[in-house]
Protein backbone atom coordinates (compact mmCIF):
# COMPACT_ATOMS: atom_id res chain seq x y z
CA MET A 1 -29.58 -14.49 5.26
CA CYS A 2 -26.10 -14.60 3.79
CA GLU A 3 -23.49 -13.19 6.13
CA ARG A 4 -21.98 -11.08 3.35
CA LEU A 5 -25.28 -9.23 2.87
CA LYS A 6 -25.76 -8.29 6.52
CA PHE A 7 -24.65 -4.67 6.07
CA GLU A 8 -26.81 -4.26 2.99
CA LYS A 9 -29.78 -5.73 4.90
CA MET A 10 -29.12 -3.35 7.77
CA ALA A 11 -29.46 -0.43 5.34
CA TYR A 12 -32.64 -1.85 3.81
CA ASP A 13 -34.07 -2.31 7.30
CA LEU A 14 -33.51 1.42 7.81
CA GLY A 15 -35.73 2.04 4.80
CA LYS A 16 -32.95 2.63 2.27
CA GLN A 17 -33.51 1.62 -1.34
CA TYR A 18 -30.23 2.05 -3.19
CA VAL A 19 -27.11 0.94 -1.35
CA ILE A 20 -23.79 1.64 -3.06
CA GLY A 21 -20.69 -0.39 -2.25
CA LEU A 22 -17.40 1.49 -2.68
CA ASP A 23 -13.78 0.39 -2.85
CA GLU A 24 -10.51 1.42 -4.44
CA ALA A 25 -7.50 -0.19 -6.07
CA GLY A 26 -4.03 1.27 -6.24
CA ARG A 27 -3.25 3.01 -2.97
CA GLY A 28 0.07 1.21 -2.60
CA PRO A 29 1.70 1.44 -6.06
CA MET A 30 4.31 4.06 -6.84
CA ALA A 31 3.11 4.37 -10.44
CA GLY A 32 -0.22 4.62 -12.19
CA PRO A 33 -3.63 5.98 -11.24
CA LEU A 34 -5.85 5.15 -8.30
CA VAL A 35 -9.20 3.64 -9.30
CA VAL A 36 -12.48 3.60 -7.37
CA GLY A 37 -15.43 1.35 -8.07
CA GLY A 38 -19.02 1.87 -7.00
CA VAL A 39 -21.80 -0.72 -7.36
CA ILE A 40 -25.53 -0.74 -6.62
CA PHE A 41 -27.32 -4.09 -6.78
CA GLU A 42 -31.03 -4.82 -6.66
CA LYS A 43 -32.26 -5.54 -3.15
CA GLY A 44 -31.72 -9.23 -2.37
CA TYR A 45 -29.21 -9.85 -5.16
CA TYR A 46 -26.51 -12.32 -4.17
CA ASN A 47 -23.63 -14.00 -5.97
CA GLU A 48 -21.50 -16.22 -3.76
CA LEU A 49 -18.50 -15.83 -6.11
CA ILE A 50 -18.18 -12.08 -5.58
CA ASN A 51 -15.49 -11.47 -2.99
CA ASP A 52 -12.52 -9.26 -2.16
CA SER A 53 -10.62 -8.89 -5.43
CA LYS A 54 -7.33 -9.75 -3.70
CA GLN A 55 -8.66 -13.21 -2.91
CA LEU A 56 -9.50 -13.98 -6.53
CA SER A 57 -7.38 -15.04 -9.49
CA GLU A 58 -7.00 -12.63 -12.39
CA LYS A 59 -9.15 -14.91 -14.57
CA LYS A 60 -11.93 -15.05 -11.97
CA ARG A 61 -11.82 -11.26 -11.49
CA GLU A 62 -12.22 -10.75 -15.23
CA GLU A 63 -15.19 -13.14 -15.33
CA LEU A 64 -16.85 -11.47 -12.35
CA TYR A 65 -16.22 -8.01 -13.79
CA ASP A 66 -18.53 -8.83 -16.69
CA ILE A 67 -21.12 -10.43 -14.39
CA ILE A 68 -21.16 -7.42 -12.05
CA ILE A 69 -21.60 -4.96 -14.91
CA ARG A 70 -24.40 -7.14 -16.31
CA ASP A 71 -26.24 -7.63 -13.02
CA ALA A 72 -25.78 -4.30 -11.25
CA LEU A 73 -28.60 -1.78 -11.21
CA ALA A 74 -25.84 0.81 -11.68
CA TYR A 75 -22.08 1.01 -11.43
CA GLN A 76 -19.46 3.73 -11.63
CA ILE A 77 -15.69 3.65 -12.09
CA GLU A 78 -13.57 6.69 -11.24
CA VAL A 79 -9.92 6.98 -12.32
CA ILE A 80 -7.85 9.41 -10.26
CA ASP A 81 -4.72 10.38 -12.15
CA VAL A 82 -1.20 10.51 -10.77
CA GLU A 83 -1.21 14.30 -10.51
CA ASP A 84 -4.26 14.25 -8.23
CA VAL A 85 -2.82 11.41 -6.14
CA ASP A 86 0.34 13.46 -5.61
CA ARG A 87 -1.60 16.66 -4.94
CA LEU A 88 -4.15 15.20 -2.54
CA ASN A 89 -2.27 12.15 -1.10
CA VAL A 90 -3.60 8.62 -1.58
CA TYR A 91 -6.04 8.75 1.34
CA GLN A 92 -7.75 11.96 0.20
CA ALA A 93 -7.63 10.81 -3.44
CA SER A 94 -9.42 7.61 -2.43
CA LYS A 95 -12.06 9.60 -0.58
CA LYS A 96 -12.52 11.98 -3.51
CA GLY A 97 -12.91 9.05 -5.90
CA MET A 98 -15.61 7.50 -3.71
CA LEU A 99 -17.51 10.78 -3.39
CA ASP A 100 -17.24 11.30 -7.16
CA ALA A 101 -18.60 7.78 -7.74
CA ILE A 102 -21.59 8.58 -5.54
CA GLU A 103 -22.19 11.80 -7.47
CA HIS A 104 -21.75 10.36 -10.96
CA ILE A 105 -23.46 6.95 -10.73
CA ALA A 106 -26.67 6.67 -12.80
CA ILE A 107 -28.93 5.89 -9.83
CA GLU A 108 -28.67 8.20 -6.83
CA PRO A 109 -27.78 6.08 -3.79
CA ASP A 110 -29.33 6.79 -0.40
CA TYR A 111 -26.78 4.79 1.59
CA ALA A 112 -23.13 3.87 1.12
CA LEU A 113 -20.92 1.05 2.35
CA SER A 114 -17.23 1.86 2.02
CA ASP A 115 -14.09 -0.10 2.60
CA ALA A 116 -12.85 1.64 5.75
CA MET A 117 -13.28 5.15 4.34
CA PRO A 118 -15.31 7.76 6.27
CA LEU A 119 -17.17 9.85 3.70
CA GLY A 120 -18.25 12.88 5.68
CA ASP A 121 -21.80 14.19 5.51
CA GLN A 122 -22.44 13.88 1.77
CA ILE A 123 -24.34 10.61 2.31
CA GLU A 124 -25.41 8.39 5.17
CA HIS A 125 -22.86 5.61 5.22
CA LEU A 126 -20.93 2.97 7.07
CA ALA A 127 -17.15 2.61 6.77
CA ILE A 128 -16.29 -1.07 7.30
CA VAL A 129 -12.80 -2.29 8.08
CA LYS A 130 -12.04 -5.19 5.69
CA GLY A 131 -15.30 -4.30 4.01
CA ASP A 132 -14.29 -5.95 0.75
CA THR A 133 -14.38 -9.34 2.50
CA LEU A 134 -17.46 -8.61 4.65
CA SER A 135 -19.83 -6.95 2.17
CA MET A 136 -20.71 -8.30 -1.26
CA SER A 137 -21.37 -4.79 -2.60
CA ILE A 138 -17.94 -3.57 -1.51
CA GLY A 139 -16.35 -6.76 -2.85
CA ALA A 140 -17.99 -6.11 -6.22
CA ALA A 141 -16.66 -2.55 -6.21
CA SER A 142 -13.18 -3.87 -5.44
CA ILE A 143 -13.34 -6.15 -8.48
CA LEU A 144 -14.37 -3.33 -10.82
CA ALA A 145 -11.60 -1.12 -9.47
CA LYS A 146 -8.91 -3.80 -9.57
CA VAL A 147 -9.71 -5.08 -13.07
CA THR A 148 -9.90 -1.54 -14.46
CA ARG A 149 -6.58 -0.55 -12.90
CA ASP A 150 -4.82 -3.72 -14.04
CA ARG A 151 -6.00 -3.10 -17.60
CA ILE A 152 -4.67 0.45 -17.46
CA MET A 153 -1.27 -0.75 -16.21
CA LYS A 154 -1.07 -3.35 -18.99
CA GLU A 155 -1.55 -0.54 -21.50
CA TYR A 156 1.20 1.47 -19.80
CA ASP A 157 3.42 -1.60 -20.08
CA LYS A 158 3.23 -1.23 -23.87
CA ILE A 159 4.45 2.37 -23.59
CA TYR A 160 7.13 1.69 -20.96
CA PRO A 161 8.01 -2.01 -21.45
CA GLU A 162 11.29 -1.81 -19.53
CA TYR A 163 9.49 -1.20 -16.21
CA GLY A 164 7.42 -4.39 -16.10
CA PHE A 165 4.10 -2.70 -15.33
CA ALA A 166 2.09 -5.65 -16.70
CA LYS A 167 3.65 -7.87 -14.06
CA HIS A 168 3.77 -5.75 -10.89
CA LYS A 169 1.08 -3.16 -11.79
CA GLY A 170 3.21 -0.31 -10.42
CA TYR A 171 3.74 -1.73 -6.93
CA PRO A 172 7.20 -1.17 -5.41
CA THR A 173 8.66 -4.59 -6.16
CA LYS A 174 12.39 -5.21 -6.42
CA GLN A 175 12.11 -5.35 -10.21
CA HIS A 176 10.24 -2.05 -10.31
CA LYS A 177 12.69 -0.27 -8.01
CA GLU A 178 15.65 -1.48 -10.05
CA ALA A 179 14.01 -0.35 -13.30
CA LEU A 180 13.22 3.01 -11.74
CA LYS A 181 16.88 3.51 -10.83
CA GLN A 182 18.09 2.36 -14.22
CA TYR A 183 15.63 4.14 -16.50
CA GLY A 184 14.45 7.04 -14.37
CA VAL A 185 11.04 8.49 -13.53
CA THR A 186 8.20 8.32 -16.06
CA PRO A 187 5.17 10.64 -16.27
CA ILE A 188 3.04 7.97 -14.57
CA HIS A 189 5.26 7.68 -11.47
CA ARG A 190 3.94 9.20 -8.26
CA ARG A 191 6.34 11.93 -7.25
CA SER A 192 5.11 11.91 -3.66
CA PHE A 193 6.24 8.30 -3.08
CA GLN A 194 9.60 7.80 -1.43
CA PRO A 195 11.34 5.51 -3.98
CA VAL A 196 10.45 7.99 -6.72
CA ILE A 197 11.57 10.94 -4.58
CA ASP A 198 14.89 9.21 -3.99
CA VAL A 199 15.52 8.76 -7.72
CA LEU A 200 14.51 12.35 -8.47
CA ASN A 201 16.90 13.58 -5.77
CA GLU A 202 19.70 11.46 -7.24
CA GLN A 203 19.07 13.02 -10.64
CA LEU A 204 19.23 16.51 -9.15
CA THR A 205 22.60 15.80 -7.52
CA LEU A 206 24.24 14.33 -10.63
CA PRO A 207 27.12 16.48 -11.93
CA ILE A 208 26.40 18.34 -15.13
């Protein structure tokens, strides 16, 4: 048995039929949405190329995105907008996105594997630290989430080209922080994140 299917096999051994892997992309950026992916594969499915999205090149992620969508029994992608991230905080927004993915996916799962996120009593589950590297299902979910979010940020780059979103995807890089100070806060910036708060406070203290 492949090591990266051991958690899926554990669920099947418990009599489960549809195991959903869940992961998110975008907890760290100070701009743009948070995205959650959910994937259910057929029992026994394995693709050795599917791994934690952070360990893959952009080209490989794009290729695997299409393969995952083709091969999955069902998949779901949830986009949590900036307003909800600010209202809930990134942790609760991630949890909400995972629970929404479970609710909205075409096949009802009877077990969930999440990347380090306890999901409460909505579904029997296992929260696995570094789950995206240890479980193929979670790794697949991380790829769907990451590719979707990167595509969204590239579109935002066309609207706000001076911020460099296509390059840093909203993460708090030096370039992004400098652009934020120079050009101000956009509607897609997270107002609960400290660098954005600092710029907003500076704007409030400017003399009229």
